[in-house]
Amino acid sequence: MRVERTTRTALLAVLGICFMTGLAFASVPLYRLFCQVTGLNGTTQRGLVAPGGTDRQIRVDFDANVDPKLPWKFAPENPSDTIAVGARDMAFFTATNTSDRPITGTATFNVTPAQAGKYFTKIQCFCFTEQTLKPGETARMPVIFFVDPKILKDPDAADIQTITLSYTFYPVDSAKNAS
């Protein structure tokens, strides 16, 4: 009887460890999914078609940053744009590889204020894929987006006048890029 009890306790401990390990691995994708659904922390949405413009205008500021380990220059072509809520718009960013070797980067993004994230929808974006630039190469990268008219009915977001779309480029794999 004592052996069965010890075996059962050990089995439950192993199952607990397996469950916690699985939960740890699943936490990042689950958190990312949660942020995409809720717009938490300024996470933007993905869409296919803009619903159409309204009478309300909103300003979108563009911010560009580069991780110090990535030898790129990265900037928006225009620092801001005023658009009709619901209308499709496009902005361009340029990135230049200032090194003497090809480098691959990937961009992370967010929107501020955070409550605007669930209404900021990207149709197409350079941030959806990795970008490889040859030595000295400059690339012009578009983002096509709209601000969902539902923002006008949200009491926490209806008064927002300016949304900032911010990108930061990071090297994909420093070891791979060093070769």
Protein backbone atom coordinates (compact mmCIF):
# COMPACT_ATOMS: atom_id res chain seq x y z
CA MET A 1 0.00 0.00 0.00
CA ARG A 2 2.84 2.35 0.78
CA VAL A 3 4.46 1.65 -2.63
CA GLU A 4 1.21 2.48 -4.45
CA ARG A 5 0.95 5.76 -2.57
CA THR A 6 4.57 6.68 -3.36
CA THR A 7 4.11 5.72 -7.02
CA ARG A 8 0.90 7.75 -7.28
CA THR A 9 2.59 10.79 -5.68
CA ALA A 10 5.57 10.50 -8.02
CA LEU A 11 3.27 10.13 -11.03
CA LEU A 12 1.28 13.22 -10.01
CA ALA A 13 4.51 15.17 -9.52
CA VAL A 14 5.77 14.18 -12.99
CA LEU A 15 2.40 15.08 -14.54
CA GLY A 16 2.51 18.44 -12.73
CA ILE A 17 6.00 19.14 -14.03
CA CYS A 18 4.96 18.18 -17.59
CA PHE A 19 1.88 20.41 -17.36
CA MET A 20 3.86 23.39 -16.05
CA THR A 21 6.55 22.92 -18.73
CA GLY A 22 3.88 22.79 -21.44
CA LEU A 23 2.21 25.87 -20.01
CA ALA A 24 5.53 27.72 -19.99
CA PHE A 25 6.11 26.94 -23.69
CA ALA A 26 2.52 27.85 -24.60
CA SER A 27 2.49 31.12 -22.65
CA VAL A 28 4.24 33.24 -25.28
CA PRO A 29 1.97 32.24 -28.21
CA LEU A 30 -1.10 32.44 -25.96
CA TYR A 31 -0.09 35.91 -24.74
CA ARG A 32 0.55 37.05 -28.33
CA LEU A 33 -2.88 35.75 -29.37
CA PHE A 34 -4.51 37.47 -26.38
CA CYS A 35 -2.82 40.78 -27.29
CA GLN A 36 -3.91 40.49 -30.92
CA VAL A 37 -7.53 39.84 -29.95
CA THR A 38 -7.76 42.55 -27.30
CA GLY A 39 -5.27 45.12 -28.59
CA LEU A 40 -3.47 44.92 -25.24
CA ASN A 41 -0.25 46.95 -25.06
CA GLY A 42 -0.94 48.59 -28.41
CA THR A 43 -0.96 45.37 -30.42
CA THR A 44 -2.49 46.08 -33.82
CA GLN A 45 -4.97 43.99 -35.77
CA ARG A 46 -4.68 42.43 -39.22
CA GLY A 47 -7.32 42.92 -41.88
CA LEU A 48 -8.02 42.60 -45.58
CA VAL A 49 -10.20 45.59 -46.52
CA ALA A 50 -10.83 49.01 -45.00
CA PRO A 51 -14.51 49.69 -44.27
CA GLY A 52 -14.50 53.18 -45.83
CA GLY A 53 -13.82 56.66 -44.56
CA THR A 54 -15.89 58.69 -42.13
CA ASP A 55 -16.03 62.44 -41.50
CA ARG A 56 -13.71 62.11 -38.50
CA GLN A 57 -10.00 62.73 -39.08
CA ILE A 58 -7.19 61.29 -36.97
CA ARG A 59 -3.48 61.96 -37.05
CA VAL A 60 -1.05 59.03 -37.25
CA ASP A 61 2.56 59.69 -36.21
CA PHE A 62 5.27 57.27 -37.35
CA ASP A 63 8.22 56.30 -35.17
CA ALA A 64 11.22 54.21 -36.28
CA ASN A 65 13.94 52.65 -34.12
CA VAL A 66 16.82 50.23 -34.68
CA ASP A 67 18.40 47.87 -32.17
CA PRO A 68 22.05 48.91 -31.59
CA LYS A 69 23.20 45.46 -32.81
CA LEU A 70 21.65 46.06 -36.25
CA PRO A 71 23.77 48.33 -38.52
CA TRP A 72 20.80 49.86 -40.31
CA LYS A 73 19.34 53.32 -40.72
CA PHE A 74 15.55 53.19 -40.54
CA ALA A 75 13.07 56.07 -40.78
CA PRO A 76 9.57 56.96 -41.97
CA GLU A 77 9.41 58.95 -45.20
CA ASN A 78 6.88 61.28 -43.55
CA PRO A 79 6.72 61.73 -39.77
CA SER A 80 2.90 61.88 -39.72
CA ASP A 81 -0.27 61.71 -41.78
CA THR A 82 -3.85 62.82 -41.17
CA ILE A 83 -6.41 60.31 -42.37
CA ALA A 84 -10.15 59.73 -42.31
CA VAL A 85 -11.14 57.12 -39.74
CA GLY A 86 -12.06 53.97 -41.68
CA ALA A 87 -10.17 54.94 -44.84
CA ARG A 88 -7.30 52.88 -46.22
CA ASP A 89 -3.94 54.65 -46.08
CA MET A 90 -0.34 53.84 -46.89
CA ALA A 91 2.91 54.98 -45.32
CA PHE A 92 6.47 54.24 -46.38
CA PHE A 93 9.59 53.61 -44.33
CA THR A 94 13.13 53.34 -45.64
CA ALA A 95 15.83 51.08 -44.29
CA THR A 96 19.50 51.12 -45.30
CA ASN A 97 22.07 48.47 -44.46
CA THR A 98 25.16 50.46 -43.46
CA SER A 99 27.37 47.37 -43.08
CA ASP A 100 29.57 45.55 -45.59
CA ARG A 101 27.57 42.30 -45.44
CA PRO A 102 23.98 41.16 -46.03
CA ILE A 103 21.86 41.37 -42.89
CA THR A 104 18.36 40.15 -42.11
CA GLY A 105 16.16 42.10 -39.73
CA THR A 106 12.66 41.83 -38.39
CA ALA A 107 10.45 44.62 -37.11
CA THR A 108 8.31 44.61 -34.00
CA PHE A 109 5.57 47.19 -33.67
CA ASN A 110 3.10 48.76 -31.33
CA VAL A 111 0.57 51.55 -31.22
CA THR A 112 0.11 54.24 -28.59
CA PRO A 113 -2.08 55.11 -26.87
CA ALA A 114 -2.55 51.43 -26.01
CA GLN A 115 -6.35 51.59 -26.17
CA ALA A 116 -6.09 52.45 -29.89
CA GLY A 117 -4.31 49.16 -30.67
CA LYS A 118 -7.45 47.12 -31.19
CA TYR A 119 -8.73 49.67 -33.72
CA PHE A 120 -5.51 50.08 -35.72
CA THR A 121 -5.60 47.49 -38.50
CA LYS A 122 -2.81 46.61 -40.91
CA ILE A 123 -3.67 45.19 -44.32
CA GLN A 124 -0.07 44.81 -45.48
CA CYS A 125 3.18 45.46 -43.64
CA PHE A 126 6.90 44.89 -44.01
CA CYS A 127 6.77 43.79 -40.36
CA PHE A 128 4.93 40.58 -41.31
CA THR A 129 8.12 39.11 -42.83
CA GLU A 130 11.87 39.23 -42.30
CA GLN A 131 13.76 41.77 -44.43
CA THR A 132 17.21 41.08 -45.88
CA LEU A 133 19.30 43.97 -47.15
CA LYS A 134 22.56 43.65 -49.08
CA PRO A 135 25.56 45.81 -48.09
CA GLY A 136 24.66 49.47 -48.70
CA GLU A 137 21.18 48.57 -49.99
CA THR A 138 18.21 50.83 -49.25
CA ALA A 139 14.70 49.42 -49.30
CA ARG A 140 11.44 51.33 -49.36
CA MET A 141 8.92 49.46 -47.21
CA PRO A 142 5.16 50.12 -47.20
CA VAL A 143 2.54 49.64 -44.53
CA ILE A 144 -1.12 49.73 -45.57
CA PHE A 145 -3.52 50.36 -42.71
CA PHE A 146 -6.76 51.88 -41.46
CA VAL A 147 -8.27 52.96 -38.16
CA ASP A 148 -11.49 51.04 -37.53
CA PRO A 149 -14.55 53.34 -37.18
CA LYS A 150 -15.51 51.34 -34.05
CA ILE A 151 -12.99 53.57 -32.25
CA LEU A 152 -15.58 56.36 -32.42
CA LYS A 153 -18.03 54.34 -30.28
CA ASP A 154 -15.52 53.30 -27.60
CA PRO A 155 -15.75 55.75 -24.67
CA ASP A 156 -12.12 55.00 -23.73
CA ALA A 157 -10.81 55.71 -27.24
CA ALA A 158 -13.29 58.07 -28.96
CA ASP A 159 -11.39 61.21 -27.91
CA ILE A 160 -8.04 60.06 -29.29
CA GLN A 161 -6.71 62.67 -31.71
CA THR A 162 -3.28 61.16 -32.48
CA ILE A 163 -2.09 57.57 -32.78
CA THR A 164 1.61 56.72 -32.91
CA LEU A 165 2.68 53.67 -34.91
CA SER A 166 6.13 52.64 -33.72
CA TYR A 167 8.54 50.09 -35.21
CA THR A 168 11.82 48.71 -33.95
CA PHE A 169 14.04 46.61 -36.22
CA TYR A 170 16.14 43.83 -34.67
CA PRO A 171 18.70 41.48 -36.21
CA VAL A 172 17.10 38.09 -36.90
CA ASP A 173 20.08 35.99 -35.84
CA SER A 174 23.40 37.58 -34.99
CA ALA A 175 25.31 34.32 -35.47
CA LYS A 176 23.73 33.72 -38.88
CA ASN A 177 24.32 37.32 -39.97
CA ALA A 178 27.98 37.22 -38.93
CA SER A 179 28.85 34.61 -41.54
